[in-house]
Amino acid sequence: MKLLNSIKTTAQLSGLGEHTIRKLVRTDPTFPHIKVGETVVKINYKAFSEWLEQVSKEGRSL
């Protein structure tokens, strides 16, 4: 698996929708992502998995 994934790939791997991930990028400052240039967003899947586990433990809604 690549270290950084696109929103589309992250959605496919996680089972979350692309729209949900895009919303998290825009609205949740704790969501692990980086911007490459002005428009490209990449997600470190390991950090994302850890973040998702923490969110689940906290009982937060996405």
PDB file of N, CA and C in Angstrom:
ATOM      1  N   MET A   1       0.847  -1.185   0.000  1.00  0.00           N
ATOM      2  CA  MET A   1       0.000   0.000   0.000  1.00  0.00           C
ATOM      3  C   MET A   1       0.889   1.243   0.000  1.00  0.00           C
ATOM      4  N   LYS A   2       0.442   2.238  -0.742  1.00  0.00           N
ATOM      5  CA  LYS A   2       1.187   3.494  -0.797  1.00  0.00           C
ATOM      6  C   LYS A   2       1.076   4.227   0.537  1.00  0.00           C
ATOM      7  N   LEU A   3       2.080   5.031   0.822  1.00  0.00           N
ATOM      8  CA  LEU A   3       2.071   5.823   2.051  1.00  0.00           C
ATOM      9  C   LEU A   3       0.969   6.878   2.016  1.00  0.00           C
ATOM     10  N   LEU A   4       0.823   7.547   0.877  1.00  0.00           N
ATOM     11  CA  LEU A   4      -0.213   8.569   0.723  1.00  0.00           C
ATOM     12  C   LEU A   4      -1.224   8.113  -0.317  1.00  0.00           C
ATOM     13  N   ASN A   5      -2.483   8.308  -0.009  1.00  0.00           N
ATOM     14  CA  ASN A   5      -3.555   7.915  -0.920  1.00  0.00           C
ATOM     15  C   ASN A   5      -4.428   9.111  -1.262  1.00  0.00           C
ATOM     16  N   SER A   6      -5.098   8.999  -2.386  1.00  0.00           N
ATOM     17  CA  SER A   6      -6.070  10.015  -2.782  1.00  0.00           C
ATOM     18  C   SER A   6      -7.338   9.858  -1.945  1.00  0.00           C
ATOM     19  N   ILE A   7      -8.206  10.829  -2.045  1.00  0.00           N
ATOM     20  CA  ILE A   7      -9.498  10.736  -1.364  1.00  0.00           C
ATOM     21  C   ILE A   7     -10.273   9.535  -1.896  1.00  0.00           C
ATOM     22  N   LYS A   8     -10.249   9.346  -3.199  1.00  0.00           N
ATOM     23  CA  LYS A   8     -10.977   8.232  -3.810  1.00  0.00           C
ATOM     24  C   LYS A   8     -10.476   6.883  -3.286  1.00  0.00           C
ATOM     25  N   THR A   9      -9.169   6.706  -3.250  1.00  0.00           N
ATOM     26  CA  THR A   9      -8.598   5.445  -2.769  1.00  0.00           C
ATOM     27  C   THR A   9      -8.891   5.243  -1.291  1.00  0.00           C
ATOM     28  N   THR A  10      -8.773   6.304  -0.503  1.00  0.00           N
ATOM     29  CA  THR A  10      -9.074   6.207   0.925  1.00  0.00           C
ATOM     30  C   THR A  10     -10.532   5.814   1.134  1.00  0.00           C
ATOM     31  N   ALA A  11     -11.414   6.373   0.330  1.00  0.00           N
ATOM     32  CA  ALA A  11     -12.835   6.024   0.421  1.00  0.00           C
ATOM     33  C   ALA A  11     -13.042   4.544   0.104  1.00  0.00           C
ATOM     34  N   GLN A  12     -12.400   4.069  -0.932  1.00  0.00           N
ATOM     35  CA  GLN A  12     -12.541   2.661  -1.314  1.00  0.00           C
ATOM     36  C   GLN A  12     -11.999   1.733  -0.231  1.00  0.00           C
ATOM     37  N   LEU A  13     -10.858   2.076   0.335  1.00  0.00           N
ATOM     38  CA  LEU A  13     -10.235   1.226   1.349  1.00  0.00           C
ATOM     39  C   LEU A  13     -10.995   1.234   2.672  1.00  0.00           C
ATOM     40  N   SER A  14     -11.593   2.371   3.004  1.00  0.00           N
ATOM     41  CA  SER A  14     -12.227   2.510   4.317  1.00  0.00           C
ATOM     42  C   SER A  14     -13.714   2.186   4.313  1.00  0.00           C
ATOM     43  N   GLY A  15     -14.341   2.274   3.154  1.00  0.00           N
ATOM     44  CA  GLY A  15     -15.782   2.078   3.093  1.00  0.00           C
ATOM     45  C   GLY A  15     -16.574   3.356   3.332  1.00  0.00           C
ATOM     46  N   LEU A  16     -15.884   4.456   3.569  1.00  0.00           N
ATOM     47  CA  LEU A  16     -16.550   5.751   3.698  1.00  0.00           C
ATOM     48  C   LEU A  16     -16.721   6.349   2.304  1.00  0.00           C
ATOM     49  N   GLY A  17     -17.669   7.240   2.161  1.00  0.00           N
ATOM     50  CA  GLY A  17     -17.880   7.888   0.873  1.00  0.00           C
ATOM     51  C   GLY A  17     -16.872   8.999   0.623  1.00  0.00           C
ATOM     52  N   GLU A  18     -16.626   9.261  -0.646  1.00  0.00           N
ATOM     53  CA  GLU A  18     -15.725  10.357  -1.009  1.00  0.00           C
ATOM     54  C   GLU A  18     -16.242  11.684  -0.460  1.00  0.00           C
ATOM     55  N   HIS A  19     -17.549  11.885  -0.527  1.00  0.00           N
ATOM     56  CA  HIS A  19     -18.139  13.132  -0.024  1.00  0.00           C
ATOM     57  C   HIS A  19     -17.846  13.300   1.468  1.00  0.00           C
ATOM     58  N   THR A  20     -17.975  12.225   2.224  1.00  0.00           N
ATOM     59  CA  THR A  20     -17.709  12.281   3.664  1.00  0.00           C
ATOM     60  C   THR A  20     -16.258  12.649   3.932  1.00  0.00           C
ATOM     61  N   ILE A  21     -15.350  12.051   3.196  1.00  0.00           N
ATOM     62  CA  ILE A  21     -13.933  12.345   3.400  1.00  0.00           C
ATOM     63  C   ILE A  21     -13.621  13.786   3.006  1.00  0.00           C
ATOM     64  N   ARG A  22     -14.179  14.250   1.899  1.00  0.00           N
ATOM     65  CA  ARG A  22     -13.961  15.651   1.497  1.00  0.00           C
ATOM     66  C   ARG A  22     -14.494  16.614   2.562  1.00  0.00           C
ATOM     67  N   LYS A  23     -15.639  16.289   3.136  1.00  0.00           N
ATOM     68  CA  LYS A  23     -16.218  17.128   4.190  1.00  0.00           C
ATOM     69  C   LYS A  23     -15.300  17.150   5.412  1.00  0.00           C
ATOM     70  N   LEU A  24     -14.758  15.998   5.779  1.00  0.00           N
ATOM     71  CA  LEU A  24     -13.845  15.935   6.922  1.00  0.00           C
ATOM     72  C   LEU A  24     -12.590  16.766   6.673  1.00  0.00           C
ATOM     73  N   VAL A  25     -12.072  16.718   5.456  1.00  0.00           N
ATOM     74  CA  VAL A  25     -10.893  17.522   5.105  1.00  0.00           C
ATOM     75  C   VAL A  25     -11.196  19.006   5.322  1.00  0.00           C
ATOM     76  N   ARG A  26     -12.393  19.432   4.919  1.00  0.00           N
ATOM     77  CA  ARG A  26     -12.770  20.850   5.027  1.00  0.00           C
ATOM     78  C   ARG A  26     -13.114  21.283   6.441  1.00  0.00           C
ATOM     79  N   THR A  27     -13.718  20.389   7.233  1.00  0.00           N
ATOM     80  CA  THR A  27     -14.328  20.843   8.484  1.00  0.00           C
ATOM     81  C   THR A  27     -13.701  20.324   9.769  1.00  0.00           C
ATOM     82  N   ASP A  28     -12.920  19.256   9.708  1.00  0.00           N
ATOM     83  CA  ASP A  28     -12.376  18.664  10.938  1.00  0.00           C
ATOM     84  C   ASP A  28     -10.868  18.887  11.010  1.00  0.00           C
ATOM     85  N   PRO A  29     -10.424  19.788  11.879  1.00  0.00           N
ATOM     86  CA  PRO A  29      -8.988  20.081  11.962  1.00  0.00           C
ATOM     87  C   PRO A  29      -8.149  18.900  12.460  1.00  0.00           C
ATOM     88  N   THR A  30      -8.783  17.884  13.025  1.00  0.00           N
ATOM     89  CA  THR A  30      -8.027  16.719  13.492  1.00  0.00           C
ATOM     90  C   THR A  30      -7.865  15.659  12.404  1.00  0.00           C
ATOM     91  N   PHE A  31      -8.532  15.842  11.269  1.00  0.00           N
ATOM     92  CA  PHE A  31      -8.465  14.843  10.201  1.00  0.00           C
ATOM     93  C   PHE A  31      -7.081  14.863   9.549  1.00  0.00           C
ATOM     94  N   PRO A  32      -6.412  13.699   9.489  1.00  0.00           N
ATOM     95  CA  PRO A  32      -5.026  13.652   8.997  1.00  0.00           C
ATOM     96  C   PRO A  32      -4.932  13.682   7.470  1.00  0.00           C
ATOM     97  N   HIS A  33      -4.569  14.830   6.944  1.00  0.00           N
ATOM     98  CA  HIS A  33      -4.393  14.974   5.502  1.00  0.00           C
ATOM     99  C   HIS A  33      -3.337  16.038   5.224  1.00  0.00           C
ATOM    100  N   ILE A  34      -2.842  16.023   4.010  1.00  0.00           N
ATOM    101  CA  ILE A  34      -1.935  17.084   3.577  1.00  0.00           C
ATOM    102  C   ILE A  34      -2.422  17.595   2.227  1.00  0.00           C
ATOM    103  N   LYS A  35      -2.153  18.852   1.973  1.00  0.00           N
ATOM    104  CA  LYS A  35      -2.476  19.427   0.674  1.00  0.00           C
ATOM    105  C   LYS A  35      -1.192  19.539  -0.128  1.00  0.00           C
ATOM    106  N   VAL A  36      -1.272  19.101  -1.363  1.00  0.00           N
ATOM    107  CA  VAL A  36      -0.155  19.198  -2.290  1.00  0.00           C
ATOM    108  C   VAL A  36      -0.574  20.238  -3.323  1.00  0.00           C
ATOM    109  N   GLY A  37       0.002  21.410  -3.225  1.00  0.00           N
ATOM    110  CA  GLY A  37      -0.439  22.502  -4.080  1.00  0.00           C
ATOM    111  C   GLY A  37      -1.754  23.064  -3.563  1.00  0.00           C
ATOM    112  N   GLU A  38      -2.539  23.604  -4.464  1.00  0.00           N
ATOM    113  CA  GLU A  38      -3.797  24.249  -4.078  1.00  0.00           C
ATOM    114  C   GLU A  38      -4.972  23.284  -3.998  1.00  0.00           C
ATOM    115  N   THR A  39      -4.955  22.227  -4.803  1.00  0.00           N
ATOM    116  CA  THR A  39      -6.166  21.416  -4.914  1.00  0.00           C
ATOM    117  C   THR A  39      -6.009  19.939  -4.570  1.00  0.00           C
ATOM    118  N   VAL A  40      -4.813  19.411  -4.599  1.00  0.00           N
ATOM    119  CA  VAL A  40      -4.625  17.975  -4.391  1.00  0.00           C
ATOM    120  C   VAL A  40      -4.522  17.669  -2.899  1.00  0.00           C
ATOM    121  N   VAL A  41      -5.347  16.735  -2.439  1.00  0.00           N
ATOM    122  CA  VAL A  41      -5.337  16.309  -1.042  1.00  0.00           C
ATOM    123  C   VAL A  41      -4.866  14.864  -0.995  1.00  0.00           C
ATOM    124  N   LYS A  42      -3.928  14.586  -0.121  1.00  0.00           N
ATOM    125  CA  LYS A  42      -3.435  13.225   0.082  1.00  0.00           C
ATOM    126  C   LYS A  42      -3.629  12.847   1.543  1.00  0.00           C
ATOM    127  N   ILE A  43      -3.888  11.569   1.764  1.00  0.00           N
ATOM    128  CA  ILE A  43      -4.160  11.077   3.110  1.00  0.00           C
ATOM    129  C   ILE A  43      -3.205   9.941   3.430  1.00  0.00           C
ATOM    130  N   ASN A  44      -2.513  10.081   4.547  1.00  0.00           N
ATOM    131  CA  ASN A  44      -1.646   9.020   5.043  1.00  0.00           C
ATOM    132  C   ASN A  44      -2.566   7.966   5.647  1.00  0.00           C
ATOM    133  N   TYR A  45      -2.604   6.791   5.030  1.00  0.00           N
ATOM    134  CA  TYR A  45      -3.608   5.809   5.442  1.00  0.00           C
ATOM    135  C   TYR A  45      -3.376   5.286   6.857  1.00  0.00           C
ATOM    136  N   LYS A  46      -2.129   5.165   7.266  1.00  0.00           N
ATOM    137  CA  LYS A  46      -1.854   4.701   8.638  1.00  0.00           C
ATOM    138  C   LYS A  46      -2.375   5.729   9.646  1.00  0.00           C
ATOM    139  N   ALA A  47      -2.078   7.005   9.409  1.00  0.00           N
ATOM    140  CA  ALA A  47      -2.568   8.061  10.307  1.00  0.00           C
ATOM    141  C   ALA A  47      -4.090   8.127  10.270  1.00  0.00           C
ATOM    142  N   PHE A  48      -4.670   7.937   9.090  1.00  0.00           N
ATOM    143  CA  PHE A  48      -6.126   7.933   8.957  1.00  0.00           C
ATOM    144  C   PHE A  48      -6.738   6.792   9.766  1.00  0.00           C
ATOM    145  N   SER A  49      -6.146   5.611   9.674  1.00  0.00           N
ATOM    146  CA  SER A  49      -6.662   4.454  10.417  1.00  0.00           C
ATOM    147  C   SER A  49      -6.612   4.701  11.917  1.00  0.00           C
ATOM    148  N   GLU A  50      -5.515   5.284  12.389  1.00  0.00           N
ATOM    149  CA  GLU A  50      -5.387   5.601  13.815  1.00  0.00           C
ATOM    150  C   GLU A  50      -6.407   6.661  14.225  1.00  0.00           C
ATOM    151  N   TRP A  51      -6.592   7.662  13.369  1.00  0.00           N
ATOM    152  CA  TRP A  51      -7.574   8.713  13.637  1.00  0.00           C
ATOM    153  C   TRP A  51      -8.975   8.117  13.714  1.00  0.00           C
ATOM    154  N   LEU A  52      -9.307   7.240  12.775  1.00  0.00           N
ATOM    155  CA  LEU A  52     -10.630   6.627  12.740  1.00  0.00           C
ATOM    156  C   LEU A  52     -10.874   5.763  13.981  1.00  0.00           C
ATOM    157  N   GLU A  53      -9.853   5.065  14.420  1.00  0.00           N
ATOM    158  CA  GLU A  53      -9.976   4.265  15.638  1.00  0.00           C
ATOM    159  C   GLU A  53     -10.246   5.162  16.847  1.00  0.00           C
ATOM    160  N   GLN A  54      -9.546   6.286  16.933  1.00  0.00           N
ATOM    161  CA  GLN A  54      -9.744   7.227  18.042  1.00  0.00           C
ATOM    162  C   GLN A  54     -11.150   7.823  18.008  1.00  0.00           C
ATOM    163  N   VAL A  55     -11.596   8.199  16.820  1.00  0.00           N
ATOM    164  CA  VAL A  55     -12.947   8.754  16.666  1.00  0.00           C
ATOM    165  C   VAL A  55     -13.985   7.728  17.115  1.00  0.00           C
ATOM    166  N   SER A  56     -13.760   6.476  16.764  1.00  0.00           N
ATOM    167  CA  SER A  56     -14.683   5.406  17.159  1.00  0.00           C
ATOM    168  C   SER A  56     -14.715   5.237  18.674  1.00  0.00           C
ATOM    169  N   LYS A  57     -13.543   5.275  19.298  1.00  0.00           N
ATOM    170  CA  LYS A  57     -13.475   5.139  20.759  1.00  0.00           C
ATOM    171  C   LYS A  57     -14.201   6.279  21.459  1.00  0.00           C
ATOM    172  N   GLU A  58     -14.114   7.471  20.866  1.00  0.00           N
ATOM    173  CA  GLU A  58     -14.766   8.643  21.449  1.00  0.00           C
ATOM    174  C   GLU A  58     -16.265   8.670  21.162  1.00  0.00           C
ATOM    175  N   GLY A  59     -16.712   7.829  20.251  1.00  0.00           N
ATOM    176  CA  GLY A  59     -18.126   7.792  19.904  1.00  0.00           C
ATOM    177  C   GLY A  59     -18.580   8.974  19.069  1.00  0.00           C
ATOM    178  N   ARG A  60     -17.633   9.599  18.368  1.00  0.00           N
ATOM    179  CA  ARG A  60     -17.972  10.761  17.539  1.00  0.00           C
ATOM    180  C   ARG A  60     -18.690  10.339  16.267  1.00  0.00           C
ATOM    181  N   SER A  61     -19.517  11.219  15.760  1.00  0.00           N
ATOM    182  CA  SER A  61     -20.183  11.004  14.472  1.00  0.00           C
ATOM    183  C   SER A  61     -19.345  11.634  13.375  1.00  0.00           C
ATOM    184  N   LEU A  62     -19.416  11.039  12.206  1.00  0.00           N
ATOM    185  CA  LEU A  62     -18.684  11.601  11.065  1.00  0.00           C
ATOM    186  C   LEU A  62     -19.619  12.383  10.183  1.00  0.00           C
TER     187      LEU A  62
END
